[in-house]
Protein backbone atom coordinates (compact mmCIF):
# COMPACT_ATOMS: atom_id res chain seq x y z
CA MET A 1 0.35 65.63 -131.90
CA ASP A 2 -1.54 64.48 -128.79
CA PHE A 3 -0.37 67.30 -126.48
CA ASP A 4 -2.36 66.36 -123.38
CA LEU A 5 -5.51 65.23 -125.15
CA PRO A 6 -7.91 63.58 -122.69
CA ALA A 7 -7.96 59.79 -122.91
CA GLU A 8 -11.54 59.72 -124.24
CA HIS A 9 -10.62 62.15 -127.01
CA ARG A 10 -7.62 60.07 -128.05
CA MET A 11 -9.79 56.96 -128.10
CA ILE A 12 -12.42 58.60 -130.33
CA ARG A 13 -9.73 60.00 -132.63
CA ASP A 14 -8.01 56.63 -132.94
CA THR A 15 -11.31 54.85 -133.60
CA VAL A 16 -12.18 57.27 -136.40
CA ARG A 17 -8.65 57.12 -137.80
CA GLU A 18 -8.81 53.33 -138.06
CA PHE A 19 -12.23 53.56 -139.72
CA CYS A 20 -10.96 56.15 -142.20
CA GLU A 21 -7.93 54.10 -143.16
CA GLU A 22 -9.88 50.89 -143.58
CA GLU A 23 -13.17 52.11 -145.06
CA ILE A 24 -12.69 55.56 -146.63
CA ALA A 25 -9.13 55.70 -147.93
CA PRO A 26 -9.65 52.81 -150.41
CA ILE A 27 -12.63 54.57 -152.04
CA ALA A 28 -11.62 58.22 -151.61
CA GLN A 29 -10.54 58.75 -155.21
CA GLU A 30 -13.32 56.56 -156.60
CA VAL A 31 -16.18 58.54 -155.04
CA GLU A 32 -14.49 61.76 -156.11
CA ASP A 33 -14.21 60.56 -159.71
CA GLU A 34 -17.82 59.37 -159.71
CA HIS A 35 -19.12 62.55 -158.05
CA ARG A 36 -20.96 60.18 -155.71
CA PHE A 37 -22.13 60.97 -152.21
CA PRO A 38 -21.07 57.86 -150.23
CA ALA A 39 -24.17 57.32 -148.12
CA GLU A 40 -22.78 54.02 -146.87
CA VAL A 41 -19.87 55.82 -145.20
CA PHE A 42 -22.24 58.05 -143.27
CA ASP A 43 -24.33 55.03 -142.26
CA GLU A 44 -21.15 53.49 -140.85
CA LEU A 45 -20.25 56.73 -139.08
CA ALA A 46 -23.73 56.67 -137.55
CA ALA A 47 -23.11 53.11 -136.34
CA LEU A 48 -19.97 54.43 -134.64
CA ASP A 49 -22.08 57.18 -133.01
CA MET A 50 -20.11 59.91 -134.78
CA MET A 51 -22.89 61.85 -136.53
CA GLY A 52 -23.75 63.93 -133.48
CA VAL A 53 -20.43 64.17 -131.63
CA PRO A 54 -21.02 67.61 -130.02
CA VAL A 55 -24.77 67.10 -129.56
CA SER A 56 -26.26 66.25 -126.17
CA GLU A 57 -26.96 62.59 -125.41
CA GLU A 58 -30.49 63.69 -124.51
CA TYR A 59 -31.17 64.16 -128.21
CA GLY A 60 -29.24 61.20 -129.58
CA GLY A 61 -25.77 62.72 -129.77
CA LEU A 62 -22.48 61.51 -128.36
CA GLY A 63 -22.35 64.30 -125.79
CA GLY A 64 -18.81 65.27 -126.77
CA ASP A 65 -17.33 68.74 -126.99
CA GLN A 66 -16.02 70.95 -129.77
CA LEU A 67 -12.49 69.61 -129.38
CA MET A 68 -13.67 66.04 -129.87
CA TYR A 69 -15.69 67.11 -132.90
CA ALA A 70 -12.62 68.88 -134.33
CA LEU A 71 -10.56 65.71 -133.93
CA VAL A 72 -13.16 63.64 -135.80
CA THR A 73 -13.42 66.22 -138.59
CA GLU A 74 -9.64 66.35 -138.96
CA GLU A 75 -9.40 62.57 -139.30
CA LEU A 76 -12.04 62.55 -142.03
CA GLY A 77 -10.25 65.35 -143.89
CA ARG A 78 -6.99 63.43 -143.65
CA VAL A 79 -8.36 60.87 -146.13
CA SER A 80 -11.27 62.63 -147.89
CA GLY A 81 -11.93 66.33 -147.95
CA GLY A 82 -15.34 65.77 -149.55
CA ILE A 83 -16.57 63.39 -146.87
CA GLY A 84 -15.16 65.71 -144.22
CA LEU A 85 -16.98 68.67 -145.76
CA SER A 86 -20.37 66.96 -145.82
CA TYR A 87 -19.81 65.78 -142.25
CA ALA A 88 -18.87 69.26 -141.02
CA ALA A 89 -21.85 70.88 -142.76
CA HIS A 90 -24.16 68.25 -141.28
CA VAL A 91 -22.92 68.74 -137.73
CA SER A 92 -21.94 72.37 -137.29
CA LEU A 93 -24.42 73.97 -139.71
CA GLY A 94 -27.32 71.54 -140.04
CA SER A 95 -27.54 70.13 -136.51
CA LYS A 96 -25.87 72.33 -133.90
CA PRO A 97 -28.08 75.42 -134.47
CA ILE A 98 -31.18 73.34 -133.67
CA GLU A 99 -29.61 72.36 -130.35
CA LEU A 100 -28.52 75.92 -129.61
CA PHE A 101 -31.68 77.78 -130.62
CA GLY A 102 -34.52 75.26 -130.96
CA THR A 103 -37.40 74.33 -128.67
CA ASP A 104 -37.53 70.96 -126.94
CA GLU A 105 -40.11 69.87 -129.51
CA GLN A 106 -37.93 70.95 -132.43
CA LYS A 107 -34.93 69.16 -130.96
CA GLU A 108 -36.91 65.96 -130.54
CA GLU A 109 -38.38 66.05 -134.05
CA TRP A 110 -35.53 67.52 -136.10
CA LEU A 111 -32.29 67.24 -134.13
CA ARG A 112 -32.57 63.66 -132.94
CA PRO A 113 -32.57 62.03 -136.41
CA LEU A 114 -29.58 64.16 -137.38
CA ALA A 115 -27.61 63.34 -134.24
CA THR A 116 -28.25 59.60 -134.58
CA GLY A 117 -27.39 59.63 -138.27
CA GLU A 118 -30.84 58.67 -139.49
CA GLY A 119 -30.81 61.84 -141.57
CA MET A 120 -28.44 64.46 -142.96
CA GLY A 121 -28.57 68.17 -142.25
CA ALA A 122 -27.91 71.26 -144.36
CA TRP A 123 -27.83 75.04 -143.91
CA ALA A 124 -28.90 77.59 -146.52
CA LEU A 125 -27.48 81.08 -146.12
CA THR A 126 -25.67 82.14 -149.31
CA GLU A 127 -27.54 83.50 -152.33
CA PRO A 128 -26.42 84.01 -155.94
CA GLY A 129 -25.94 87.74 -155.49
CA SER A 130 -24.81 87.95 -151.91
CA GLY A 131 -21.17 86.87 -152.13
CA SER A 132 -19.27 87.77 -148.97
CA ASP A 133 -22.14 89.97 -147.75
CA ALA A 134 -24.31 87.07 -146.65
CA SER A 135 -26.76 89.42 -144.94
CA ASP A 136 -27.75 90.84 -148.34
CA MET A 137 -30.49 88.35 -149.09
CA ASP A 138 -33.58 88.36 -151.27
CA THR A 139 -35.20 85.21 -149.87
CA THR A 140 -38.35 86.20 -148.01
CA ALA A 141 -40.66 84.58 -145.47
CA GLU A 142 -44.08 86.21 -145.28
CA TYR A 143 -46.40 85.25 -142.43
CA ASP A 144 -49.89 84.08 -143.38
CA ALA A 145 -51.80 84.70 -140.17
CA ASP A 146 -54.97 82.93 -141.36
CA ALA A 147 -53.07 79.70 -142.03
CA GLY A 148 -50.51 80.06 -139.24
CA GLU A 149 -47.74 79.52 -141.80
CA TYR A 150 -44.74 81.27 -143.30
CA VAL A 151 -44.44 81.38 -147.09
CA LEU A 152 -40.83 81.20 -148.31
CA ASN A 153 -39.62 82.41 -151.70
CA GLY A 154 -36.09 82.77 -153.01
CA THR A 155 -32.91 81.09 -154.24
CA LYS A 156 -30.01 79.76 -152.19
CA GLN A 157 -26.60 78.99 -153.67
CA PHE A 158 -23.63 76.73 -152.81
CA ILE A 159 -25.62 74.67 -150.30
CA THR A 160 -23.73 71.60 -149.09
CA ASN A 161 -25.77 68.37 -148.71
CA ALA A 162 -28.98 69.81 -150.19
CA THR A 163 -29.65 66.71 -152.35
CA VAL A 164 -29.24 64.32 -149.41
CA ALA A 165 -30.62 66.41 -146.54
CA ASN A 166 -33.62 65.53 -144.43
CA SER A 167 -33.78 69.07 -143.07
CA VAL A 168 -32.39 72.39 -144.24
CA LEU A 169 -32.04 75.48 -142.04
CA VAL A 170 -33.03 78.35 -144.34
CA LYS A 171 -32.29 82.02 -143.65
CA ALA A 172 -34.97 84.39 -144.91
CA VAL A 173 -36.07 88.00 -144.48
CA THR A 174 -39.17 88.38 -142.32
CA GLU A 175 -38.95 92.19 -141.93
CA PRO A 176 -37.49 93.84 -145.05
CA ASP A 177 -36.70 97.22 -143.49
CA ALA A 178 -35.00 95.93 -140.35
CA GLY A 179 -31.59 95.08 -141.77
CA TYR A 180 -29.77 92.43 -139.76
CA ASP A 181 -32.68 92.32 -137.30
CA GLY A 182 -35.09 91.34 -140.06
CA ILE A 183 -33.56 87.92 -140.78
CA SER A 184 -35.01 84.69 -139.39
CA THR A 185 -34.28 80.96 -139.59
CA PHE A 186 -36.68 78.22 -140.68
CA ILE A 187 -36.53 74.43 -140.64
CA VAL A 188 -37.45 73.20 -144.11
CA ASP A 189 -38.25 69.59 -144.98
CA PRO A 190 -36.95 68.96 -148.54
CA GLU A 191 -38.88 65.72 -148.92
CA ASN A 192 -42.32 66.90 -147.85
CA ASP A 193 -42.47 70.68 -148.28
CA ASP A 194 -43.97 71.49 -151.67
CA GLY A 195 -42.08 74.13 -153.62
CA PHE A 196 -38.60 73.10 -152.47
CA GLU A 197 -36.40 72.12 -155.44
CA VAL A 198 -32.72 71.48 -155.98
CA THR A 199 -32.15 73.14 -159.35
CA THR A 200 -28.39 72.60 -159.77
CA VAL A 201 -25.72 70.26 -158.43
CA TRP A 202 -22.40 71.88 -159.20
CA ASP A 203 -19.39 70.13 -160.72
CA LYS A 204 -16.48 71.58 -158.79
CA MET A 205 -12.71 71.84 -158.82
CA GLY A 206 -12.64 69.29 -155.99
CA LEU A 207 -14.68 67.76 -153.16
CA ASN A 208 -17.14 66.31 -155.67
CA CYS A 209 -18.34 63.49 -153.43
CA SER A 210 -19.94 66.25 -151.36
CA PRO A 211 -22.95 67.73 -153.21
CA THR A 212 -22.96 71.52 -153.59
CA CYS A 213 -26.30 72.79 -154.79
CA GLU A 214 -28.56 75.63 -155.78
CA ILE A 215 -32.04 75.43 -154.29
CA GLN A 216 -35.23 77.18 -155.27
CA LEU A 217 -38.01 78.02 -152.80
CA ASP A 218 -41.30 78.65 -154.57
CA ASP A 219 -44.17 79.45 -152.18
CA VAL A 220 -42.88 76.91 -149.66
CA ARG A 221 -45.34 76.88 -146.77
CA ILE A 222 -43.77 76.30 -143.36
CA PRO A 223 -45.81 75.83 -140.15
CA GLU A 224 -45.01 78.55 -137.64
CA ASP A 225 -43.60 75.97 -135.23
CA ARG A 226 -40.66 75.57 -137.62
CA LEU A 227 -39.37 79.08 -136.98
CA LEU A 228 -36.04 78.53 -135.17
CA GLY A 229 -35.91 80.88 -132.21
CA GLU A 230 -37.77 84.16 -132.64
CA GLU A 231 -38.33 86.37 -135.66
CA GLY A 232 -35.34 88.62 -136.27
CA GLU A 233 -32.82 86.38 -134.47
CA GLY A 234 -31.49 84.76 -137.65
CA TRP A 235 -28.39 86.90 -138.05
CA THR A 236 -27.34 86.61 -134.41
CA GLN A 237 -27.77 82.85 -134.74
CA THR A 238 -25.66 82.92 -137.91
CA MET A 239 -22.76 84.67 -136.20
CA LYS A 240 -22.78 82.20 -133.31
CA THR A 241 -23.03 79.28 -135.73
CA LEU A 242 -20.08 80.51 -137.78
CA ASP A 243 -17.89 80.80 -134.70
CA GLY A 244 -18.23 77.04 -134.27
CA GLY A 245 -18.34 76.32 -137.99
CA ARG A 246 -15.03 78.04 -138.64
CA ILE A 247 -13.40 75.81 -136.06
CA SER A 248 -14.65 72.78 -137.98
CA ILE A 249 -13.31 74.19 -141.27
CA ALA A 250 -9.98 74.79 -139.54
CA ALA A 251 -10.01 71.17 -138.38
CA LEU A 252 -10.91 69.93 -141.85
CA SER A 253 -8.12 72.04 -143.33
CA THR A 254 -5.67 70.62 -140.80
CA GLY A 255 -6.73 67.13 -141.86
CA LEU A 256 -6.16 67.94 -145.53
CA ALA A 257 -2.71 69.29 -144.69
CA GLN A 258 -1.89 66.24 -142.58
CA GLY A 259 -2.90 63.88 -145.37
CA ALA A 260 -0.84 65.77 -147.93
CA TYR A 261 2.18 65.96 -145.61
CA GLU A 262 2.07 62.24 -144.88
CA ALA A 263 1.82 61.37 -148.58
CA ALA A 264 4.82 63.56 -149.43
CA LYS A 265 6.91 62.31 -146.50
CA GLU A 266 6.26 58.67 -147.37
CA TYR A 267 7.04 59.20 -151.04
CA ALA A 268 10.21 61.16 -150.31
CA GLY A 269 11.48 58.35 -148.08
CA GLU A 270 10.94 55.73 -150.78
CA ARG A 271 11.78 57.57 -154.00
CA GLU A 272 15.49 57.40 -154.86
CA GLN A 273 17.51 59.67 -157.10
CA PHE A 274 21.29 59.74 -157.47
CA GLY A 275 21.60 56.75 -155.17
CA GLN A 276 19.66 58.00 -152.15
CA PRO A 277 16.08 58.81 -151.03
CA ILE A 278 15.05 62.28 -152.18
CA SER A 279 14.26 63.13 -148.53
CA LYS A 280 18.04 63.37 -148.03
CA PHE A 281 18.30 66.34 -150.40
CA ASP A 282 18.11 69.72 -148.67
CA ALA A 283 15.41 71.11 -150.97
CA ILE A 284 13.01 68.23 -150.29
CA ARG A 285 13.88 67.88 -146.61
CA ASP A 286 13.30 71.59 -145.97
CA LYS A 287 10.01 71.51 -147.86
CA ILE A 288 8.72 68.60 -145.79
CA VAL A 289 9.85 70.22 -142.54
CA ASP A 290 7.91 73.36 -143.49
CA MET A 291 4.84 71.26 -144.33
CA HIS A 292 5.03 69.68 -140.88
CA ARG A 293 5.48 73.08 -139.20
CA LYS A 294 2.46 74.58 -140.93
CA THR A 295 0.26 71.58 -140.14
CA GLU A 296 1.22 71.56 -136.46
CA ARG A 297 0.66 75.32 -136.19
CA SER A 298 -2.81 74.96 -137.71
CA ARG A 299 -3.64 72.13 -135.33
CA LEU A 300 -2.59 74.14 -132.29
CA LEU A 301 -4.66 77.16 -133.34
CA THR A 302 -7.66 74.92 -134.04
CA HIS A 303 -7.42 73.15 -130.70
CA LYS A 304 -6.98 76.45 -128.87
CA ALA A 305 -10.18 77.79 -130.43
CA ALA A 306 -12.07 74.56 -129.70
CA VAL A 307 -11.00 74.47 -126.05
CA LYS A 308 -11.96 78.12 -125.55
CA TYR A 309 -15.32 77.40 -127.19
CA ASP A 310 -15.85 74.49 -124.81
CA GLU A 311 -15.11 76.77 -121.86
CA GLY A 312 -18.07 78.89 -122.90
CA ASN A 313 -16.07 81.85 -124.12
CA ARG A 314 -16.63 83.93 -127.21
CA VAL A 315 -14.28 82.70 -129.92
CA THR A 316 -14.81 85.07 -132.86
CA GLU A 317 -11.12 85.99 -132.96
CA GLU A 318 -9.79 82.51 -132.26
CA SER A 319 -12.04 80.74 -134.77
CA ALA A 320 -11.31 83.29 -137.51
CA LEU A 321 -7.56 83.04 -136.87
CA ALA A 322 -7.62 79.23 -136.89
CA LYS A 323 -9.72 79.13 -140.04
CA LEU A 324 -7.55 81.66 -141.85
CA ASP A 325 -4.26 80.01 -140.96
CA ALA A 326 -5.36 76.39 -141.41
CA SER A 327 -7.08 76.95 -144.75
CA GLU A 328 -4.15 78.80 -146.28
CA SER A 329 -1.68 76.30 -144.80
CA ALA A 330 -3.69 73.40 -146.23
CA ARG A 331 -3.44 74.84 -149.72
CA GLU A 332 0.28 75.54 -149.33
CA VAL A 333 1.06 72.12 -147.87
CA ALA A 334 -0.98 70.31 -150.52
CA GLU A 335 0.72 72.28 -153.29
CA ASP A 336 4.12 71.38 -151.87
CA ALA A 337 3.07 67.73 -151.68
CA VAL A 338 2.30 67.76 -155.39
CA GLN A 339 5.71 69.30 -156.00
CA VAL A 340 7.52 66.68 -153.90
CA LEU A 341 5.94 63.91 -155.97
CA GLY A 342 6.78 65.67 -159.22
CA GLY A 343 4.98 64.21 -162.23
CA TYR A 344 3.35 61.56 -160.07
CA GLY A 345 1.86 64.29 -157.91
CA TYR A 346 -0.11 65.54 -160.88
CA THR A 347 -1.76 62.15 -161.45
CA GLU A 348 -4.85 60.74 -159.81
CA ASP A 349 -2.90 57.62 -158.84
CA PHE A 350 -1.58 59.61 -155.87
CA SER A 351 -3.55 61.59 -153.30
CA PRO A 352 -1.81 65.03 -153.20
CA GLN A 353 -3.73 66.33 -156.23
CA ARG A 354 -6.98 65.52 -154.41
CA PHE A 355 -5.87 67.32 -151.27
CA TYR A 356 -4.71 70.28 -153.35
CA ARG A 357 -8.03 70.69 -155.14
CA GLY A 358 -9.97 70.22 -151.92
CA ALA A 359 -7.88 72.64 -149.90
CA LYS A 360 -8.75 75.60 -152.13
CA LEU A 361 -12.36 75.62 -151.00
CA MET A 362 -11.24 75.97 -147.38
CA GLU A 363 -10.07 79.51 -148.23
CA ILE A 364 -13.53 80.36 -149.60
CA GLY A 365 -16.25 78.58 -147.60
CA GLU A 366 -17.63 79.97 -144.31
CA GLY A 367 -15.99 83.31 -145.00
CA THR A 368 -13.16 83.89 -147.44
CA SER A 369 -9.62 84.58 -146.26
CA GLU A 370 -10.28 88.23 -147.06
CA ILE A 371 -13.33 88.24 -144.79
CA GLN A 372 -11.32 86.58 -142.00
CA HIS A 373 -8.89 89.49 -142.22
CA VAL A 374 -11.84 91.88 -141.83
CA VAL A 375 -13.14 89.94 -138.82
CA LEU A 376 -9.72 89.80 -137.20
CA GLY A 377 -9.09 93.48 -137.87
CA ARG A 378 -12.29 94.35 -136.03
CA GLN A 379 -11.37 92.06 -133.15
CA LEU A 380 -8.00 93.77 -132.90
CA GLY A 381 -9.66 97.20 -132.89
CA LEU A 382 -8.31 98.20 -136.29
């Protein structure tokens, strides 16, 4: 499982693992049942300096790399998919684009509080009608030259962390006839920008301690210094962001699979039927071996993508492959974990049902499995 991880990375992983086991695991089902965002957990992660792992120390981050961030995300997913999801959305979608594309002033004002954990970040791309074609958006940003402001109008859907975010990166059309080149990114302040409203918080199949929201933008006026990058760069930024974001979803999926595998393995070693642990029966043993194989494969693909990302290479193929494999493996492993536990696996007294429900979203968010096949087909020249 360590396969030549640097010592610092192992130390960070072990620190987060201990925190997860002591502080998150005991409340993981409770916050899910209550549909409650556990702000106290994120305050404690901030105290551990984990809220800006891949962000430069210059702006309050830990100064780690993508591999270190993937390790942290996996450990969170191993005990709580919902907490892991909010964490990943905060870091890879809400924070990292400001570091990659923002000015020094934007980084100081908007990135620093995210990296230190004083605030939470969110990212608003998807719209009610866009589906897998995220570029098909109706949200607009018209420039008011007299006021030096952009005026945003539109609706965004399935936005993680919107109810708890201190900043939201909103994609909007600034030039309607320019296609991909007409999309731009804006930093919106949910607390102080009039016209920003969370209109729905969705009850979901799983991951309910992570808020998933619909937001409405009604004549939201944004100073021009909150345009991220230049006009028309929003789609290019999105593609670069998703390359890193898909690695984090792969890591989260690997964590979900690991948690489900461990629960099934432990149960199978303790549960006895016909005078012996059920792990001794071929059907159960083979199932657990396959769960382990799938989890390890997902981890290797995720780490490969993260290392290549850290080397400064383009990782569209690697991140899509890791995300596709890890998300589908997480669902398969979690389903098998439920099966190993039998009737107990279907109850909320045991964790596999929670991993199973959480894993399904991994095949949908940040590009469905079907879209990953499209991306990979293009990368393979098909």
